[in-house]
């Protein structure tokens, strides 16, 4: 979950709009990837259980 805006990355869905296919684990998301809602870097995300 993005600590800046609250957007949640779901591994099961991925983010195909940004070239991240469904099933991509958070660890496999490139370090250069940015939050699609607010532009925060991957370092501004924290793992949450939903």
PDB file of N, CA and C in Angstrom:
ATOM      1  N   UNK A   1       0.840  -1.166   0.000  1.00  0.00           N
ATOM      2  CA  UNK A   1       0.000   0.000   0.000  1.00  0.00           C
ATOM      3  C   UNK A   1       0.892   1.239   0.000  1.00  0.00           C
ATOM      4  N   UNK A   2       0.517   2.205  -0.821  1.00  0.00           N
ATOM      5  CA  UNK A   2       1.261   3.461  -0.871  1.00  0.00           C
ATOM      6  C   UNK A   2       0.993   4.246   0.410  1.00  0.00           C
ATOM      7  N   UNK A   3       2.056   4.626   1.093  1.00  0.00           N
ATOM      8  CA  UNK A   3       1.914   5.377   2.337  1.00  0.00           C
ATOM      9  C   UNK A   3       1.515   6.826   2.081  1.00  0.00           C
ATOM     10  N   UNK A   4       1.658   7.295   0.856  1.00  0.00           N
ATOM     11  CA  UNK A   4       1.319   8.676   0.526  1.00  0.00           C
ATOM     12  C   UNK A   4      -0.174   8.819   0.229  1.00  0.00           C
ATOM     13  N   UNK A   5      -0.704   7.946  -0.641  1.00  0.00           N
ATOM     14  CA  UNK A   5      -2.098   8.119  -1.078  1.00  0.00           C
ATOM     15  C   UNK A   5      -3.023   6.952  -0.733  1.00  0.00           C
ATOM     16  N   UNK A   6      -2.458   5.818  -0.282  1.00  0.00           N
ATOM     17  CA  UNK A   6      -3.291   4.679   0.094  1.00  0.00           C
ATOM     18  C   UNK A   6      -3.600   3.702  -1.033  1.00  0.00           C
ATOM     19  N   UNK A   7      -3.043   3.922  -2.241  1.00  0.00           N
ATOM     20  CA  UNK A   7      -3.281   3.012  -3.367  1.00  0.00           C
ATOM     21  C   UNK A   7      -2.687   1.648  -3.037  1.00  0.00           C
ATOM     22  N   UNK A   8      -3.409   0.590  -3.360  1.00  0.00           N
ATOM     23  CA  UNK A   8      -2.975  -0.768  -3.023  1.00  0.00           C
ATOM     24  C   UNK A   8      -2.584  -1.541  -4.282  1.00  0.00           C
ATOM     25  N   UNK A   9      -1.355  -2.074  -4.280  1.00  0.00           N
ATOM     26  CA  UNK A   9      -0.907  -2.961  -5.354  1.00  0.00           C
ATOM     27  C   UNK A   9      -1.351  -4.368  -5.003  1.00  0.00           C
ATOM     28  N   UNK A  10      -2.085  -4.996  -5.900  1.00  0.00           N
ATOM     29  CA  UNK A  10      -2.546  -6.369  -5.684  1.00  0.00           C
ATOM     30  C   UNK A  10      -1.779  -7.294  -6.616  1.00  0.00           C
ATOM     31  N   UNK A  11      -0.999  -8.206  -6.034  1.00  0.00           N
ATOM     32  CA  UNK A  11      -0.169  -9.114  -6.827  1.00  0.00           C
ATOM     33  C   UNK A  11      -0.996  -9.936  -7.801  1.00  0.00           C
ATOM     34  N   UNK A  12      -2.181 -10.370  -7.403  1.00  0.00           N
ATOM     35  CA  UNK A  12      -3.024 -11.194  -8.276  1.00  0.00           C
ATOM     36  C   UNK A  12      -3.445 -10.437  -9.535  1.00  0.00           C
ATOM     37  N   UNK A  13      -3.591  -9.132  -9.427  1.00  0.00           N
ATOM     38  CA  UNK A  13      -4.013  -8.307 -10.570  1.00  0.00           C
ATOM     39  C   UNK A  13      -2.838  -7.705 -11.321  1.00  0.00           C
ATOM     40  N   UNK A  14      -1.715  -7.483 -10.629  1.00  0.00           N
ATOM     41  CA  UNK A  14      -0.596  -6.788 -11.245  1.00  0.00           C
ATOM     42  C   UNK A  14      -0.999  -5.367 -11.588  1.00  0.00           C
ATOM     43  N   UNK A  15      -0.348  -4.807 -12.606  1.00  0.00           N
ATOM     44  CA  UNK A  15      -0.735  -3.488 -13.121  1.00  0.00           C
ATOM     45  C   UNK A  15      -0.389  -3.466 -14.604  1.00  0.00           C
ATOM     46  N   UNK A  16      -1.205  -4.201 -15.417  1.00  0.00           N
ATOM     47  CA  UNK A  16      -0.904  -4.350 -16.847  1.00  0.00           C
ATOM     48  C   UNK A  16      -0.740  -3.024 -17.588  1.00  0.00           C
ATOM     49  N   UNK A  17      -1.420  -1.975 -17.132  1.00  0.00           N
ATOM     50  CA  UNK A  17      -1.317  -0.667 -17.776  1.00  0.00           C
ATOM     51  C   UNK A  17       0.116  -0.140 -17.751  1.00  0.00           C
ATOM     52  N   UNK A  18       0.903  -0.652 -16.816  1.00  0.00           N
ATOM     53  CA  UNK A  18       2.289  -0.222 -16.659  1.00  0.00           C
ATOM     54  C   UNK A  18       3.266  -1.350 -16.983  1.00  0.00           C
ATOM     55  N   UNK A  19       2.774  -2.411 -17.646  1.00  0.00           N
ATOM     56  CA  UNK A  19       3.640  -3.512 -18.041  1.00  0.00           C
ATOM     57  C   UNK A  19       3.932  -4.526 -16.948  1.00  0.00           C
ATOM     58  N   UNK A  20       3.124  -4.524 -15.880  1.00  0.00           N
ATOM     59  CA  UNK A  20       3.316  -5.479 -14.790  1.00  0.00           C
ATOM     60  C   UNK A  20       2.173  -6.488 -14.852  1.00  0.00           C
ATOM     61  N   UNK A  21       2.432  -7.696 -15.360  1.00  0.00           N
ATOM     62  CA  UNK A  21       1.358  -8.679 -15.545  1.00  0.00           C
ATOM     63  C   UNK A  21       0.781  -9.207 -14.234  1.00  0.00           C
ATOM     64  N   UNK A  22      -0.438  -9.706 -14.317  1.00  0.00           N
ATOM     65  CA  UNK A  22      -1.094 -10.332 -13.165  1.00  0.00           C
ATOM     66  C   UNK A  22      -0.200 -11.434 -12.620  1.00  0.00           C
ATOM     67  N   UNK A  23      -0.157 -11.568 -11.308  1.00  0.00           N
ATOM     68  CA  UNK A  23       0.656 -12.590 -10.672  1.00  0.00           C
ATOM     69  C   UNK A  23       2.073 -12.149 -10.355  1.00  0.00           C
ATOM     70  N   UNK A  24       2.418 -10.899 -10.651  1.00  0.00           N
ATOM     71  CA  UNK A  24       3.762 -10.396 -10.370  1.00  0.00           C
ATOM     72  C   UNK A  24       3.886 -10.055  -8.890  1.00  0.00           C
ATOM     73  N   UNK A  25       4.834 -10.700  -8.220  1.00  0.00           N
ATOM     74  CA  UNK A  25       5.027 -10.423  -6.793  1.00  0.00           C
ATOM     75  C   UNK A  25       5.603  -9.020  -6.623  1.00  0.00           C
ATOM     76  N   UNK A  26       5.391  -8.454  -5.446  1.00  0.00           N
ATOM     77  CA  UNK A  26       5.886  -7.098  -5.166  1.00  0.00           C
ATOM     78  C   UNK A  26       7.406  -7.036  -5.324  1.00  0.00           C
ATOM     79  N   UNK A  27       8.094  -8.104  -4.951  1.00  0.00           N
ATOM     80  CA  UNK A  27       9.547  -8.142  -5.069  1.00  0.00           C
ATOM     81  C   UNK A  27      10.004  -8.041  -6.524  1.00  0.00           C
ATOM     82  N   UNK A  28       9.165  -8.513  -7.453  1.00  0.00           N
ATOM     83  CA  UNK A  28       9.512  -8.490  -8.877  1.00  0.00           C
ATOM     84  C   UNK A  28       9.183  -7.161  -9.554  1.00  0.00           C
ATOM     85  N   UNK A  29       8.420  -6.311  -8.895  1.00  0.00           N
ATOM     86  CA  UNK A  29       8.097  -4.997  -9.462  1.00  0.00           C
ATOM     87  C   UNK A  29       9.393  -4.183  -9.481  1.00  0.00           C
ATOM     88  N   UNK A  30       9.736  -3.564 -10.618  1.00  0.00           N
ATOM     89  CA  UNK A  30      10.999  -2.822 -10.712  1.00  0.00           C
ATOM     90  C   UNK A  30      11.103  -1.707  -9.665  1.00  0.00           C
ATOM     91  N   UNK A  31      12.308  -1.478  -9.165  1.00  0.00           N
ATOM     92  CA  UNK A  31      12.543  -0.431  -8.165  1.00  0.00           C
ATOM     93  C   UNK A  31      12.206   0.950  -8.714  1.00  0.00           C
ATOM     94  N   UNK A  32      12.242   1.100 -10.029  1.00  0.00           N
ATOM     95  CA  UNK A  32      11.960   2.396 -10.657  1.00  0.00           C
ATOM     96  C   UNK A  32      10.468   2.666 -10.838  1.00  0.00           C
ATOM     97  N   UNK A  33       9.625   1.677 -10.521  1.00  0.00           N
ATOM     98  CA  UNK A  33       8.178   1.817 -10.697  1.00  0.00           C
ATOM     99  C   UNK A  33       7.632   2.888  -9.770  1.00  0.00           C
ATOM    100  N   UNK A  34       6.631   3.642 -10.249  1.00  0.00           N
ATOM    101  CA  UNK A  34       6.009   4.704  -9.463  1.00  0.00           C
ATOM    102  C   UNK A  34       4.529   4.433  -9.260  1.00  0.00           C
ATOM    103  N   UNK A  35       3.998   4.862  -8.139  1.00  0.00           N
ATOM    104  CA  UNK A  35       2.576   4.716  -7.836  1.00  0.00           C
ATOM    105  C   UNK A  35       1.760   5.395  -8.933  1.00  0.00           C
ATOM    106  N   UNK A  36       0.783   4.697  -9.507  1.00  0.00           N
ATOM    107  CA  UNK A  36      -0.013   5.279 -10.588  1.00  0.00           C
ATOM    108  C   UNK A  36      -0.939   6.405 -10.122  1.00  0.00           C
ATOM    109  N   UNK A  37      -1.198   6.493  -8.837  1.00  0.00           N
ATOM    110  CA  UNK A  37      -2.089   7.535  -8.317  1.00  0.00           C
ATOM    111  C   UNK A  37      -1.359   8.827  -7.975  1.00  0.00           C
ATOM    112  N   UNK A  38      -0.201   8.707  -7.305  1.00  0.00           N
ATOM    113  CA  UNK A  38       0.454   9.925  -6.813  1.00  0.00           C
ATOM    114  C   UNK A  38       1.909  10.078  -7.256  1.00  0.00           C
ATOM    115  N   UNK A  39       2.470   9.053  -7.918  1.00  0.00           N
ATOM    116  CA  UNK A  39       3.842   9.146  -8.401  1.00  0.00           C
ATOM    117  C   UNK A  39       4.908   8.844  -7.355  1.00  0.00           C
ATOM    118  N   UNK A  40       4.505   8.350  -6.184  1.00  0.00           N
ATOM    119  CA  UNK A  40       5.480   7.999  -5.144  1.00  0.00           C
ATOM    120  C   UNK A  40       6.313   6.802  -5.598  1.00  0.00           C
ATOM    121  N   UNK A  41       7.540   6.728  -5.119  1.00  0.00           N
ATOM    122  CA  UNK A  41       8.420   5.621  -5.457  1.00  0.00           C
ATOM    123  C   UNK A  41       8.096   4.362  -4.671  1.00  0.00           C
ATOM    124  N   UNK A  42       8.637   3.258  -5.136  1.00  0.00           N
ATOM    125  CA  UNK A  42       8.392   1.964  -4.492  1.00  0.00           C
ATOM    126  C   UNK A  42       8.803   1.981  -3.020  1.00  0.00           C
ATOM    127  N   UNK A  43       9.777   2.802  -2.672  1.00  0.00           N
ATOM    128  CA  UNK A  43      10.223   2.895  -1.280  1.00  0.00           C
ATOM    129  C   UNK A  43       9.149   3.491  -0.363  1.00  0.00           C
ATOM    130  N   UNK A  44       8.129   4.119  -0.944  1.00  0.00           N
ATOM    131  CA  UNK A  44       7.038   4.708  -0.162  1.00  0.00           C
ATOM    132  C   UNK A  44       5.860   3.753   0.006  1.00  0.00           C
ATOM    133  N   UNK A  45       6.080   2.472  -0.271  1.00  0.00           N
ATOM    134  CA  UNK A  45       5.040   1.455  -0.097  1.00  0.00           C
ATOM    135  C   UNK A  45       5.363   0.591   1.112  1.00  0.00           C
ATOM    136  N   UNK A  46       4.319   0.081   1.742  1.00  0.00           N
ATOM    137  CA  UNK A  46       4.465  -0.821   2.879  1.00  0.00           C
ATOM    138  C   UNK A  46       3.527  -1.999   2.670  1.00  0.00           C
ATOM    139  N   UNK A  47       3.986  -3.202   3.011  1.00  0.00           N
ATOM    140  CA  UNK A  47       3.172  -4.401   2.849  1.00  0.00           C
ATOM    141  C   UNK A  47       2.052  -4.418   3.882  1.00  0.00           C
ATOM    142  N   UNK A  48       0.836  -4.671   3.409  1.00  0.00           N
ATOM    143  CA  UNK A  48      -0.314  -4.818   4.304  1.00  0.00           C
ATOM    144  C   UNK A  48      -1.070  -6.077   3.912  1.00  0.00           C
ATOM    145  N   UNK A  49      -1.692  -6.727   4.875  1.00  0.00           N
ATOM    146  CA  UNK A  49      -2.522  -7.900   4.614  1.00  0.00           C
ATOM    147  C   UNK A  49      -3.968  -7.439   4.510  1.00  0.00           C
ATOM    148  N   UNK A  50      -4.632  -7.849   3.425  1.00  0.00           N
ATOM    149  CA  UNK A  50      -6.047  -7.487   3.273  1.00  0.00           C
ATOM    150  C   UNK A  50      -6.885  -8.731   3.117  1.00  0.00           C
TER     151      UNK A  50
END
